Amino acid sequence: MSRPHRAVLASAAGFALVTALLSGCGAGDSTDEAPKSPASGEHSRHNPEATVTVEVEEDRFSPADITISAGDTVSWHFDGDLPHGVQGIGDKAMSINSPLFEVGDWSHTFTQPGEYRYLCPIHPDMRGTITVEE
């Protein structure tokens, strides 16, 4: 095999390895997609580790304030013309930090009781609160 062909093969193999490694990267308990709950915005005490969906609208989170149990997941559903994100406010909510989306889903599992405030980093008037009970 000639030297240029070996260089092309090595580059292709390196690219495939980097692509495979990057596609396996994740961030703990947050995902880009999450299943939607049958009753968005409501929490079922009969369904431990439930998922509650918050719709991200053009100028607000709906519902903006929710109460869940520790271990539950909140999924934000983005479907609009403007980019939005979810960013925690304060030390307790530092792990809440989504990418920006126009369309897509992002979720976070809340394991510790407490109050978690968040906003859209592009539109800081868009705010919400998640209260996590034991």
N, C-alpha and C. Protein backbone atom coordinates (compact mmCIF):
# COMPACT_ATOMS: atom_id res chain seq x y z
N MET A 1 0.86 -1.17 0.00
CA MET A 1 0.00 0.00 0.00
C MET A 1 0.91 1.23 0.00
N SER A 2 0.56 2.21 -0.83
CA SER A 2 1.39 3.40 -0.93
C SER A 2 1.20 4.29 0.29
N ARG A 3 2.18 5.15 0.51
CA ARG A 3 2.16 6.06 1.66
C ARG A 3 0.91 6.96 1.68
N PRO A 4 0.46 7.59 0.55
CA PRO A 4 -0.76 8.42 0.60
C PRO A 4 -2.00 7.63 0.98
N HIS A 5 -2.09 6.38 0.49
CA HIS A 5 -3.26 5.55 0.84
C HIS A 5 -3.28 5.22 2.32
N ARG A 6 -2.10 4.95 2.92
CA ARG A 6 -2.03 4.67 4.36
C ARG A 6 -2.43 5.89 5.16
N ALA A 7 -2.05 7.08 4.72
CA ALA A 7 -2.39 8.31 5.43
C ALA A 7 -3.90 8.55 5.39
N VAL A 8 -4.52 8.30 4.25
CA VAL A 8 -5.97 8.48 4.14
C VAL A 8 -6.68 7.47 5.02
N LEU A 9 -6.22 6.22 5.02
CA LEU A 9 -6.84 5.20 5.86
C LEU A 9 -6.69 5.55 7.34
N ALA A 10 -5.51 6.02 7.75
CA ALA A 10 -5.29 6.40 9.15
C ALA A 10 -6.19 7.57 9.54
N SER A 11 -6.35 8.55 8.65
CA SER A 11 -7.23 9.68 8.94
C SER A 11 -8.67 9.23 9.09
N ALA A 12 -9.13 8.35 8.21
CA ALA A 12 -10.51 7.85 8.28
C ALA A 12 -10.73 7.07 9.57
N ALA A 13 -9.76 6.25 9.95
CA ALA A 13 -9.89 5.47 11.19
C ALA A 13 -9.92 6.40 12.40
N GLY A 14 -9.07 7.42 12.39
CA GLY A 14 -9.06 8.39 13.49
C GLY A 14 -10.37 9.14 13.59
N PHE A 15 -10.93 9.56 12.46
CA PHE A 15 -12.21 10.25 12.44
C PHE A 15 -13.32 9.36 12.99
N ALA A 16 -13.33 8.08 12.59
CA ALA A 16 -14.35 7.15 13.07
C ALA A 16 -14.25 6.97 14.57
N LEU A 17 -13.03 6.90 15.11
CA LEU A 17 -12.84 6.74 16.55
C LEU A 17 -13.33 7.96 17.30
N VAL A 18 -12.96 9.16 16.83
CA VAL A 18 -13.41 10.40 17.48
C VAL A 18 -14.93 10.50 17.43
N THR A 19 -15.53 10.19 16.30
CA THR A 19 -16.99 10.24 16.16
C THR A 19 -17.65 9.28 17.14
N ALA A 20 -17.12 8.06 17.25
CA ALA A 20 -17.69 7.07 18.17
C ALA A 20 -17.57 7.54 19.61
N LEU A 21 -16.43 8.10 19.97
CA LEU A 21 -16.25 8.58 21.34
C LEU A 21 -17.17 9.74 21.67
N LEU A 22 -17.30 10.69 20.75
CA LEU A 22 -18.15 11.86 21.00
C LEU A 22 -19.62 11.47 21.08
N SER A 23 -20.05 10.52 20.30
CA SER A 23 -21.46 10.14 20.34
C SER A 23 -21.81 9.41 21.62
N GLY A 24 -20.83 8.91 22.33
CA GLY A 24 -21.09 8.22 23.58
C GLY A 24 -21.01 9.13 24.79
N CYS A 25 -20.64 10.39 24.59
CA CYS A 25 -20.51 11.32 25.71
C CYS A 25 -21.88 11.72 26.21
N GLY A 26 -22.03 11.84 27.51
CA GLY A 26 -23.29 12.28 28.10
C GLY A 26 -23.01 13.06 29.35
N ALA A 27 -24.06 13.61 29.93
CA ALA A 27 -23.90 14.42 31.13
C ALA A 27 -24.79 13.91 32.23
N GLY A 28 -24.34 12.86 32.90
CA GLY A 28 -25.01 12.40 34.10
C GLY A 28 -26.48 12.09 33.94
N ASP A 29 -27.31 12.88 34.61
CA ASP A 29 -28.73 12.57 34.64
C ASP A 29 -29.54 13.42 33.68
N SER A 30 -28.92 14.07 32.73
CA SER A 30 -29.63 14.88 31.75
C SER A 30 -29.54 14.23 30.39
N THR A 31 -30.61 14.31 29.63
CA THR A 31 -30.62 13.73 28.30
C THR A 31 -31.21 14.72 27.32
N ASP A 32 -30.94 14.49 26.05
CA ASP A 32 -31.51 15.36 25.03
C ASP A 32 -32.95 15.00 24.73
N GLU A 33 -33.34 13.78 25.01
CA GLU A 33 -34.70 13.37 24.73
C GLU A 33 -35.23 12.61 25.95
N ALA A 34 -36.50 12.72 26.19
CA ALA A 34 -37.13 12.01 27.29
C ALA A 34 -38.56 11.70 26.92
N PRO A 35 -39.09 10.58 27.44
CA PRO A 35 -40.49 10.29 27.15
C PRO A 35 -41.40 11.31 27.79
N LYS A 36 -42.51 11.54 27.17
CA LYS A 36 -43.48 12.50 27.71
C LYS A 36 -44.42 11.77 28.66
N SER A 37 -44.84 12.47 29.69
CA SER A 37 -45.79 11.88 30.62
C SER A 37 -47.18 11.95 30.02
N PRO A 38 -48.04 11.01 30.37
CA PRO A 38 -49.39 11.05 29.83
C PRO A 38 -50.16 12.27 30.30
N ALA A 39 -49.85 12.79 31.46
CA ALA A 39 -50.54 13.97 31.98
C ALA A 39 -49.51 15.05 32.20
N SER A 40 -49.17 15.78 31.16
CA SER A 40 -48.14 16.81 31.25
C SER A 40 -48.47 17.80 32.35
N GLY A 41 -47.46 18.12 33.14
CA GLY A 41 -47.62 19.10 34.19
C GLY A 41 -48.21 18.55 35.47
N GLU A 42 -48.61 17.30 35.47
CA GLU A 42 -49.17 16.70 36.68
C GLU A 42 -48.26 15.58 37.14
N HIS A 43 -48.24 15.37 38.43
CA HIS A 43 -47.41 14.32 39.00
C HIS A 43 -48.32 13.24 39.57
N SER A 44 -48.01 12.01 39.26
CA SER A 44 -48.78 10.89 39.78
C SER A 44 -48.04 10.24 40.92
N ARG A 45 -48.62 10.22 42.08
CA ARG A 45 -47.99 9.57 43.25
C ARG A 45 -47.95 8.06 43.06
N HIS A 46 -48.75 7.52 42.15
CA HIS A 46 -48.78 6.08 41.92
C HIS A 46 -47.71 5.65 40.92
N ASN A 47 -47.00 6.59 40.34
CA ASN A 47 -45.99 6.29 39.34
C ASN A 47 -44.64 6.83 39.81
N PRO A 48 -43.92 6.05 40.65
CA PRO A 48 -42.63 6.55 41.10
C PRO A 48 -41.72 6.79 39.90
N GLU A 49 -40.87 7.79 40.04
CA GLU A 49 -39.96 8.18 38.98
C GLU A 49 -40.72 8.56 37.71
N ALA A 50 -41.73 9.40 37.88
CA ALA A 50 -42.55 9.88 36.77
C ALA A 50 -41.81 10.95 35.98
N THR A 51 -42.28 11.19 34.77
CA THR A 51 -41.76 12.29 33.96
C THR A 51 -42.87 13.30 33.76
N VAL A 52 -42.55 14.56 34.07
CA VAL A 52 -43.48 15.66 33.89
C VAL A 52 -42.94 16.52 32.75
N THR A 53 -43.80 16.92 31.82
CA THR A 53 -43.37 17.71 30.67
C THR A 53 -43.73 19.18 30.84
N VAL A 54 -42.77 20.04 30.58
CA VAL A 54 -42.97 21.48 30.57
C VAL A 54 -42.85 21.92 29.10
N GLU A 55 -43.88 22.55 28.60
CA GLU A 55 -43.86 23.06 27.22
C GLU A 55 -43.13 24.40 27.22
N VAL A 56 -42.16 24.56 26.32
CA VAL A 56 -41.44 25.82 26.19
C VAL A 56 -42.09 26.56 25.03
N GLU A 57 -42.81 27.61 25.38
CA GLU A 57 -43.54 28.37 24.38
C GLU A 57 -42.74 29.61 24.02
N GLU A 58 -43.25 30.44 23.15
CA GLU A 58 -42.50 31.58 22.65
C GLU A 58 -42.07 32.55 23.75
N ASP A 59 -42.86 32.66 24.83
CA ASP A 59 -42.51 33.64 25.86
C ASP A 59 -42.70 33.13 27.28
N ARG A 60 -42.87 31.79 27.45
CA ARG A 60 -43.05 31.28 28.81
C ARG A 60 -42.86 29.77 28.87
N PHE A 61 -42.70 29.27 30.10
CA PHE A 61 -42.69 27.84 30.38
C PHE A 61 -44.09 27.48 30.86
N SER A 62 -44.63 26.38 30.37
CA SER A 62 -45.99 26.01 30.74
C SER A 62 -46.08 24.53 31.09
N PRO A 63 -46.38 24.19 32.35
CA PRO A 63 -46.59 25.08 33.48
C PRO A 63 -45.24 25.62 33.97
N ALA A 64 -45.29 26.82 34.52
CA ALA A 64 -44.06 27.46 35.01
C ALA A 64 -43.66 26.92 36.38
N ASP A 65 -44.62 26.57 37.20
CA ASP A 65 -44.35 26.08 38.55
C ASP A 65 -44.94 24.70 38.71
N ILE A 66 -44.09 23.73 39.08
CA ILE A 66 -44.56 22.36 39.27
C ILE A 66 -44.00 21.79 40.56
N THR A 67 -44.67 20.77 41.07
CA THR A 67 -44.23 20.04 42.25
C THR A 67 -44.11 18.58 41.87
N ILE A 68 -42.95 17.99 42.19
CA ILE A 68 -42.68 16.59 41.87
C ILE A 68 -42.10 15.92 43.09
N SER A 69 -41.86 14.63 43.00
CA SER A 69 -41.20 13.87 44.06
C SER A 69 -39.74 13.64 43.69
N ALA A 70 -38.89 13.48 44.71
CA ALA A 70 -37.48 13.17 44.46
C ALA A 70 -37.41 11.90 43.61
N GLY A 71 -36.57 11.93 42.60
CA GLY A 71 -36.43 10.81 41.67
C GLY A 71 -37.20 11.01 40.37
N ASP A 72 -38.10 11.99 40.34
CA ASP A 72 -38.87 12.27 39.13
C ASP A 72 -38.02 13.06 38.13
N THR A 73 -38.44 13.01 36.89
CA THR A 73 -37.76 13.70 35.79
C THR A 73 -38.67 14.77 35.23
N VAL A 74 -38.09 15.92 34.92
CA VAL A 74 -38.81 16.97 34.21
C VAL A 74 -38.24 17.03 32.81
N SER A 75 -39.12 17.00 31.82
CA SER A 75 -38.71 17.10 30.42
C SER A 75 -39.25 18.40 29.85
N TRP A 76 -38.37 19.21 29.27
CA TRP A 76 -38.78 20.44 28.62
C TRP A 76 -38.92 20.15 27.13
N HIS A 77 -40.07 20.50 26.58
CA HIS A 77 -40.34 20.25 25.16
C HIS A 77 -40.30 21.59 24.42
N PHE A 78 -39.35 21.72 23.51
CA PHE A 78 -39.14 22.95 22.74
C PHE A 78 -39.75 22.75 21.36
N ASP A 79 -40.62 23.67 20.94
CA ASP A 79 -41.22 23.58 19.61
C ASP A 79 -41.67 24.98 19.20
N GLY A 80 -40.75 25.75 18.65
CA GLY A 80 -41.10 27.11 18.29
C GLY A 80 -40.14 27.70 17.28
N ASP A 81 -40.27 28.98 17.07
CA ASP A 81 -39.44 29.68 16.09
C ASP A 81 -38.23 30.36 16.73
N LEU A 82 -38.23 30.49 18.05
CA LEU A 82 -37.14 31.16 18.76
C LEU A 82 -36.34 30.15 19.56
N PRO A 83 -35.02 30.34 19.68
CA PRO A 83 -34.24 29.45 20.54
C PRO A 83 -34.51 29.77 22.01
N HIS A 84 -34.54 28.72 22.81
CA HIS A 84 -34.71 28.83 24.25
C HIS A 84 -33.80 27.81 24.92
N GLY A 85 -33.61 27.98 26.20
CA GLY A 85 -32.86 27.03 27.00
C GLY A 85 -33.41 27.01 28.40
N VAL A 86 -32.82 26.14 29.22
CA VAL A 86 -33.19 26.03 30.63
C VAL A 86 -31.89 26.16 31.42
N GLN A 87 -31.85 27.16 32.32
CA GLN A 87 -30.66 27.39 33.13
C GLN A 87 -31.07 27.62 34.57
N GLY A 88 -30.48 26.84 35.48
CA GLY A 88 -30.79 26.97 36.89
C GLY A 88 -30.32 28.29 37.46
N ILE A 89 -31.03 28.75 38.49
CA ILE A 89 -30.68 29.98 39.20
C ILE A 89 -30.24 29.59 40.60
N GLY A 90 -29.04 29.96 40.98
CA GLY A 90 -28.54 29.68 42.33
C GLY A 90 -27.73 28.39 42.38
N ASP A 91 -27.02 28.23 43.50
CA ASP A 91 -26.12 27.09 43.67
C ASP A 91 -26.83 25.75 43.57
N LYS A 92 -27.98 25.63 44.19
CA LYS A 92 -28.70 24.35 44.22
C LYS A 92 -29.09 23.89 42.81
N ALA A 93 -29.35 24.84 41.90
CA ALA A 93 -29.84 24.51 40.57
C ALA A 93 -28.75 24.54 39.50
N MET A 94 -27.48 24.54 39.90
CA MET A 94 -26.38 24.64 38.94
C MET A 94 -26.39 23.52 37.90
N SER A 95 -26.87 22.34 38.24
CA SER A 95 -26.85 21.21 37.29
C SER A 95 -27.92 21.33 36.21
N ILE A 96 -28.82 22.28 36.34
CA ILE A 96 -29.86 22.48 35.33
C ILE A 96 -29.30 23.44 34.28
N ASN A 97 -28.88 22.91 33.15
CA ASN A 97 -28.25 23.74 32.13
C ASN A 97 -28.35 23.06 30.78
N SER A 98 -29.42 23.34 30.07
CA SER A 98 -29.64 22.70 28.77
C SER A 98 -28.92 23.44 27.65
N PRO A 99 -28.75 22.77 26.52
CA PRO A 99 -28.34 23.51 25.33
C PRO A 99 -29.50 24.38 24.85
N LEU A 100 -29.25 25.24 23.88
CA LEU A 100 -30.32 26.03 23.29
C LEU A 100 -31.04 25.21 22.23
N PHE A 101 -32.37 25.32 22.21
CA PHE A 101 -33.19 24.57 21.27
C PHE A 101 -34.21 25.49 20.62
N GLU A 102 -34.56 25.21 19.39
CA GLU A 102 -35.80 25.72 18.79
C GLU A 102 -36.81 24.58 18.81
N VAL A 103 -36.33 23.38 18.50
CA VAL A 103 -37.17 22.19 18.50
C VAL A 103 -36.38 21.07 19.16
N GLY A 104 -36.99 20.34 20.06
CA GLY A 104 -36.34 19.21 20.71
C GLY A 104 -36.81 19.04 22.14
N ASP A 105 -36.19 18.12 22.83
CA ASP A 105 -36.52 17.83 24.22
C ASP A 105 -35.24 17.75 25.03
N TRP A 106 -35.33 18.15 26.29
CA TRP A 106 -34.22 18.03 27.23
C TRP A 106 -34.80 17.72 28.59
N SER A 107 -34.16 16.85 29.33
CA SER A 107 -34.72 16.47 30.63
C SER A 107 -33.65 16.46 31.71
N HIS A 108 -34.15 16.51 32.94
CA HIS A 108 -33.29 16.48 34.12
C HIS A 108 -34.03 15.72 35.21
N THR A 109 -33.31 14.81 35.89
CA THR A 109 -33.88 14.06 37.00
C THR A 109 -33.49 14.73 38.30
N PHE A 110 -34.48 14.98 39.14
CA PHE A 110 -34.27 15.67 40.41
C PHE A 110 -34.23 14.64 41.54
N THR A 111 -33.08 14.52 42.18
CA THR A 111 -32.90 13.50 43.21
C THR A 111 -32.97 14.06 44.63
N GLN A 112 -32.78 15.36 44.78
CA GLN A 112 -32.76 15.98 46.11
C GLN A 112 -33.97 16.89 46.30
N PRO A 113 -34.65 16.77 47.45
CA PRO A 113 -35.76 17.69 47.74
C PRO A 113 -35.28 19.14 47.80
N GLY A 114 -36.18 20.05 47.48
CA GLY A 114 -35.87 21.47 47.55
C GLY A 114 -36.58 22.23 46.45
N GLU A 115 -36.29 23.51 46.40
CA GLU A 115 -36.89 24.37 45.39
C GLU A 115 -35.81 24.74 44.37
N TYR A 116 -36.11 24.51 43.11
CA TYR A 116 -35.17 24.78 42.02
C TYR A 116 -35.78 25.82 41.09
N ARG A 117 -35.15 26.98 41.03
CA ARG A 117 -35.63 28.04 40.14
C ARG A 117 -34.80 28.00 38.86
N TYR A 118 -35.44 28.34 37.74
CA TYR A 118 -34.73 28.35 36.47
C TYR A 118 -35.28 29.43 35.56
N LEU A 119 -34.53 29.73 34.50
CA LEU A 119 -34.94 30.74 33.52
C LEU A 119 -34.40 30.33 32.15
N CYS A 120 -34.84 31.05 31.14
CA CYS A 120 -34.29 30.92 29.79
C CYS A 120 -33.10 31.87 29.72
N PRO A 121 -31.89 31.39 29.38
CA PRO A 121 -30.74 32.28 29.39
C PRO A 121 -30.81 33.38 28.32
N ILE A 122 -31.62 33.20 27.29
CA ILE A 122 -31.76 34.22 26.26
C ILE A 122 -32.88 35.20 26.60
N HIS A 123 -33.92 34.69 27.27
CA HIS A 123 -35.09 35.49 27.63
C HIS A 123 -35.29 35.39 29.14
N PRO A 124 -34.52 36.15 29.95
CA PRO A 124 -34.53 35.99 31.40
C PRO A 124 -35.87 36.27 32.08
N ASP A 125 -36.83 36.85 31.37
CA ASP A 125 -38.16 37.02 31.95
C ASP A 125 -38.95 35.72 31.95
N MET A 126 -38.50 34.74 31.16
CA MET A 126 -39.12 33.41 31.17
C MET A 126 -38.53 32.66 32.36
N ARG A 127 -39.37 32.37 33.36
CA ARG A 127 -38.90 31.73 34.58
C ARG A 127 -39.83 30.62 35.03
N GLY A 128 -39.27 29.72 35.80
CA GLY A 128 -40.08 28.63 36.36
C GLY A 128 -39.47 28.16 37.66
N THR A 129 -40.26 27.38 38.41
CA THR A 129 -39.82 26.82 39.68
C THR A 129 -40.26 25.37 39.76
N ILE A 130 -39.36 24.53 40.20
CA ILE A 130 -39.67 23.11 40.43
C ILE A 130 -39.47 22.86 41.91
N THR A 131 -40.54 22.43 42.57
CA THR A 131 -40.46 22.06 43.98
C THR A 131 -40.40 20.55 44.04
N VAL A 132 -39.33 20.04 44.66
CA VAL A 132 -39.11 18.59 44.77
C VAL A 132 -39.38 18.19 46.21
N GLU A 133 -40.37 17.31 46.39
CA GLU A 133 -40.71 16.79 47.72
C GLU A 133 -40.08 15.42 47.90
N GLU A 134 -39.95 15.02 49.18
CA GLU A 134 -39.40 13.69 49.48
C GLU A 134 -40.37 12.61 49.11
